[in-house]
């Protein structure tokens, strides 16, 4: 698991959390297997080219849920 706190949830933020999770797995002797599927919601920071490139460099396959699907996290109302 990777985590961080920040005032803005942008691509750099979610990529930092992903890199932390990958680093922790590698350093605990449990590297991510090639082709692992990473599922996320359809928000812009998870569908950006930069984030997708981060997944690809780690050998992971992106999977994005459809908006409004039952298994996606509920959207926060403002």
N, C-alpha and C. Protein backbone atom coordinates (compact mmCIF):
# COMPACT_ATOMS: atom_id res chain seq x y z
N UNK A 1 0.85 -1.17 0.00
CA UNK A 1 0.00 0.00 0.00
C UNK A 1 0.89 1.23 0.00
N UNK A 2 0.49 2.21 -0.77
CA UNK A 2 1.16 3.48 -0.77
C UNK A 2 0.18 4.55 -0.32
N UNK A 3 0.69 5.58 0.31
CA UNK A 3 -0.20 6.64 0.77
C UNK A 3 0.57 7.95 0.82
N UNK A 4 -0.16 9.03 0.83
CA UNK A 4 0.40 10.37 0.97
C UNK A 4 -0.74 11.31 1.35
N UNK A 5 -0.38 12.46 1.86
CA UNK A 5 -1.38 13.49 2.11
C UNK A 5 -0.98 14.73 1.32
N UNK A 6 -1.96 15.41 0.81
CA UNK A 6 -1.73 16.58 0.00
C UNK A 6 -3.04 17.32 -0.11
N UNK A 7 -3.00 18.59 -0.45
CA UNK A 7 -4.23 19.37 -0.55
C UNK A 7 -4.91 19.25 -1.91
N UNK A 8 -4.19 18.73 -2.91
CA UNK A 8 -4.74 18.58 -4.26
C UNK A 8 -4.55 17.14 -4.71
N UNK A 9 -5.61 16.53 -5.26
CA UNK A 9 -5.51 15.17 -5.77
C UNK A 9 -5.31 15.26 -7.28
N UNK A 10 -4.04 15.33 -7.69
CA UNK A 10 -3.72 15.41 -9.11
C UNK A 10 -2.91 14.19 -9.52
N UNK A 11 -2.47 14.16 -10.77
CA UNK A 11 -1.73 13.01 -11.29
C UNK A 11 -0.45 12.76 -10.51
N UNK A 12 0.29 13.82 -10.19
CA UNK A 12 1.54 13.65 -9.45
C UNK A 12 1.28 13.00 -8.09
N UNK A 13 0.19 13.39 -7.44
CA UNK A 13 -0.15 12.83 -6.14
C UNK A 13 -0.44 11.34 -6.21
N UNK A 14 -1.31 10.93 -7.13
CA UNK A 14 -1.65 9.50 -7.20
C UNK A 14 -0.48 8.67 -7.72
N UNK A 15 0.34 9.25 -8.60
CA UNK A 15 1.54 8.54 -9.07
C UNK A 15 2.53 8.35 -7.93
N UNK A 16 2.66 9.33 -7.06
CA UNK A 16 3.55 9.22 -5.90
C UNK A 16 3.11 8.08 -4.99
N UNK A 17 1.81 7.97 -4.76
CA UNK A 17 1.29 6.87 -3.93
C UNK A 17 1.57 5.51 -4.58
N UNK A 18 1.39 5.43 -5.89
CA UNK A 18 1.66 4.18 -6.60
C UNK A 18 3.14 3.82 -6.51
N UNK A 19 4.01 4.79 -6.74
CA UNK A 19 5.45 4.51 -6.66
C UNK A 19 5.86 4.06 -5.25
N UNK A 20 5.24 4.65 -4.23
CA UNK A 20 5.54 4.24 -2.86
C UNK A 20 5.13 2.78 -2.64
N UNK A 21 3.95 2.41 -3.12
CA UNK A 21 3.48 1.03 -2.97
C UNK A 21 4.41 0.06 -3.69
N UNK A 22 4.84 0.43 -4.90
CA UNK A 22 5.76 -0.43 -5.65
C UNK A 22 7.09 -0.56 -4.94
N UNK A 23 7.61 0.54 -4.42
CA UNK A 23 8.89 0.53 -3.68
C UNK A 23 8.78 -0.36 -2.44
N UNK A 24 7.68 -0.23 -1.71
CA UNK A 24 7.51 -1.04 -0.49
C UNK A 24 7.45 -2.52 -0.81
N UNK A 25 6.76 -2.89 -1.87
CA UNK A 25 6.69 -4.30 -2.25
C UNK A 25 8.07 -4.82 -2.62
N UNK A 26 8.80 -4.04 -3.42
CA UNK A 26 10.13 -4.46 -3.86
C UNK A 26 11.06 -4.65 -2.66
N UNK A 27 11.01 -3.75 -1.71
CA UNK A 27 11.91 -3.80 -0.56
C UNK A 27 11.47 -4.75 0.54
N UNK A 28 10.33 -5.38 0.38
CA UNK A 28 9.91 -6.41 1.33
C UNK A 28 9.93 -7.79 0.67
N UNK A 29 10.56 -7.86 -0.51
CA UNK A 29 10.72 -9.15 -1.18
C UNK A 29 9.47 -9.65 -1.89
N UNK A 30 8.53 -8.75 -2.17
CA UNK A 30 7.29 -9.14 -2.86
C UNK A 30 7.08 -8.24 -4.08
N UNK A 31 7.96 -8.32 -5.08
CA UNK A 31 7.80 -7.44 -6.24
C UNK A 31 6.50 -7.72 -6.99
N UNK A 32 6.02 -6.71 -7.66
CA UNK A 32 4.78 -6.83 -8.44
C UNK A 32 5.02 -7.78 -9.61
N UNK A 33 4.18 -8.80 -9.78
CA UNK A 33 4.35 -9.70 -10.91
C UNK A 33 4.02 -9.00 -12.23
N UNK A 34 4.75 -9.32 -13.27
CA UNK A 34 4.52 -8.75 -14.60
C UNK A 34 3.07 -8.99 -15.03
N UNK A 35 2.43 -7.94 -15.54
CA UNK A 35 1.06 -8.07 -16.03
C UNK A 35 -0.01 -7.88 -14.97
N UNK A 36 0.37 -7.54 -13.74
CA UNK A 36 -0.62 -7.31 -12.69
C UNK A 36 -1.62 -6.25 -13.15
N UNK A 37 -2.88 -6.47 -12.91
CA UNK A 37 -3.92 -5.53 -13.31
C UNK A 37 -4.17 -4.53 -12.19
N UNK A 38 -4.06 -3.26 -12.52
CA UNK A 38 -4.30 -2.18 -11.56
C UNK A 38 -5.64 -1.55 -11.92
N UNK A 39 -6.64 -1.71 -11.04
CA UNK A 39 -7.97 -1.16 -11.30
C UNK A 39 -8.14 0.15 -10.56
N UNK A 40 -8.64 1.15 -11.25
CA UNK A 40 -8.91 2.44 -10.62
C UNK A 40 -10.20 3.01 -11.18
N UNK A 41 -10.63 4.11 -10.60
CA UNK A 41 -11.85 4.74 -11.09
C UNK A 41 -11.55 5.58 -12.33
N UNK A 42 -12.55 6.21 -12.86
CA UNK A 42 -12.41 6.93 -14.13
C UNK A 42 -12.10 8.42 -13.94
N UNK A 43 -11.57 8.81 -12.80
CA UNK A 43 -11.24 10.22 -12.60
C UNK A 43 -10.00 10.59 -13.40
N UNK A 44 -9.85 11.85 -13.73
CA UNK A 44 -8.83 12.29 -14.68
C UNK A 44 -7.41 11.95 -14.26
N UNK A 45 -7.08 12.02 -12.97
CA UNK A 45 -5.70 11.74 -12.57
C UNK A 45 -5.34 10.27 -12.79
N UNK A 46 -6.32 9.37 -12.78
CA UNK A 46 -6.05 7.95 -13.00
C UNK A 46 -6.04 7.57 -14.48
N UNK A 47 -6.54 8.45 -15.32
CA UNK A 47 -6.57 8.15 -16.76
C UNK A 47 -5.56 8.98 -17.54
N UNK A 48 -4.73 9.75 -16.86
CA UNK A 48 -3.75 10.58 -17.55
C UNK A 48 -2.65 9.72 -18.17
N UNK A 49 -2.02 10.27 -19.18
CA UNK A 49 -0.91 9.57 -19.85
C UNK A 49 0.23 9.34 -18.87
N UNK A 50 0.52 10.32 -18.05
CA UNK A 50 1.62 10.19 -17.08
C UNK A 50 1.38 9.02 -16.12
N UNK A 51 0.17 8.90 -15.62
CA UNK A 51 -0.13 7.81 -14.68
C UNK A 51 -0.10 6.46 -15.38
N UNK A 52 -0.66 6.41 -16.60
CA UNK A 52 -0.63 5.18 -17.38
C UNK A 52 0.80 4.77 -17.69
N UNK A 53 1.66 5.75 -17.99
CA UNK A 53 3.08 5.45 -18.23
C UNK A 53 3.74 4.88 -16.97
N UNK A 54 3.39 5.41 -15.80
CA UNK A 54 3.93 4.90 -14.55
C UNK A 54 3.55 3.43 -14.36
N UNK A 55 2.30 3.09 -14.66
CA UNK A 55 1.86 1.70 -14.58
C UNK A 55 2.63 0.82 -15.56
N UNK A 56 2.78 1.30 -16.78
CA UNK A 56 3.47 0.53 -17.81
C UNK A 56 4.93 0.28 -17.44
N UNK A 57 5.61 1.28 -16.92
CA UNK A 57 7.00 1.12 -16.52
C UNK A 57 7.15 0.10 -15.39
N UNK A 58 6.10 -0.05 -14.59
CA UNK A 58 6.12 -1.03 -13.49
C UNK A 58 5.67 -2.41 -13.95
N UNK A 59 5.30 -2.54 -15.25
CA UNK A 59 4.86 -3.83 -15.77
C UNK A 59 3.41 -4.15 -15.45
N UNK A 60 2.62 -3.13 -15.12
CA UNK A 60 1.23 -3.32 -14.75
C UNK A 60 0.31 -2.96 -15.90
N UNK A 61 -0.88 -3.56 -15.92
CA UNK A 61 -1.90 -3.29 -16.91
C UNK A 61 -2.99 -2.42 -16.28
N UNK A 62 -3.32 -1.27 -16.90
CA UNK A 62 -4.39 -0.44 -16.33
C UNK A 62 -5.77 -1.00 -16.62
N UNK A 63 -6.67 -0.82 -15.68
CA UNK A 63 -8.07 -1.19 -15.84
C UNK A 63 -8.88 -0.07 -15.20
N UNK A 64 -9.78 0.52 -15.95
CA UNK A 64 -10.57 1.64 -15.45
C UNK A 64 -12.03 1.26 -15.44
N UNK A 65 -12.69 1.48 -14.32
CA UNK A 65 -14.11 1.19 -14.21
C UNK A 65 -14.94 2.19 -15.00
N UNK A 66 -16.13 1.80 -15.34
CA UNK A 66 -17.02 2.71 -16.05
C UNK A 66 -17.72 3.61 -15.04
N UNK A 67 -18.03 4.80 -15.45
CA UNK A 67 -18.68 5.75 -14.56
C UNK A 67 -20.05 5.22 -14.19
N UNK A 68 -20.32 5.20 -12.89
CA UNK A 68 -21.62 4.75 -12.41
C UNK A 68 -21.74 3.26 -12.19
N UNK A 69 -20.66 2.50 -12.43
CA UNK A 69 -20.71 1.05 -12.21
C UNK A 69 -20.80 0.76 -10.72
N UNK A 70 -21.44 -0.32 -10.36
CA UNK A 70 -21.66 -0.66 -8.96
C UNK A 70 -20.36 -0.87 -8.18
N UNK A 71 -19.29 -1.27 -8.85
CA UNK A 71 -18.05 -1.56 -8.14
C UNK A 71 -17.10 -0.39 -8.08
N UNK A 72 -17.42 0.73 -8.71
CA UNK A 72 -16.61 1.93 -8.59
C UNK A 72 -16.94 2.60 -7.28
N UNK A 73 -15.96 3.33 -6.74
CA UNK A 73 -16.25 4.05 -5.50
C UNK A 73 -17.28 5.14 -5.75
N UNK A 74 -18.12 5.42 -4.80
CA UNK A 74 -19.13 6.46 -5.00
C UNK A 74 -18.48 7.84 -5.11
N UNK A 75 -19.02 8.67 -5.94
CA UNK A 75 -18.52 10.03 -6.10
C UNK A 75 -18.96 10.85 -4.89
N UNK A 76 -18.07 11.72 -4.43
CA UNK A 76 -18.43 12.59 -3.33
C UNK A 76 -19.30 13.72 -3.85
N UNK A 77 -20.32 14.04 -3.11
CA UNK A 77 -21.19 15.16 -3.50
C UNK A 77 -20.66 16.41 -2.83
N UNK A 78 -20.70 17.49 -3.57
CA UNK A 78 -20.19 18.78 -3.03
C UNK A 78 -21.34 19.69 -2.69
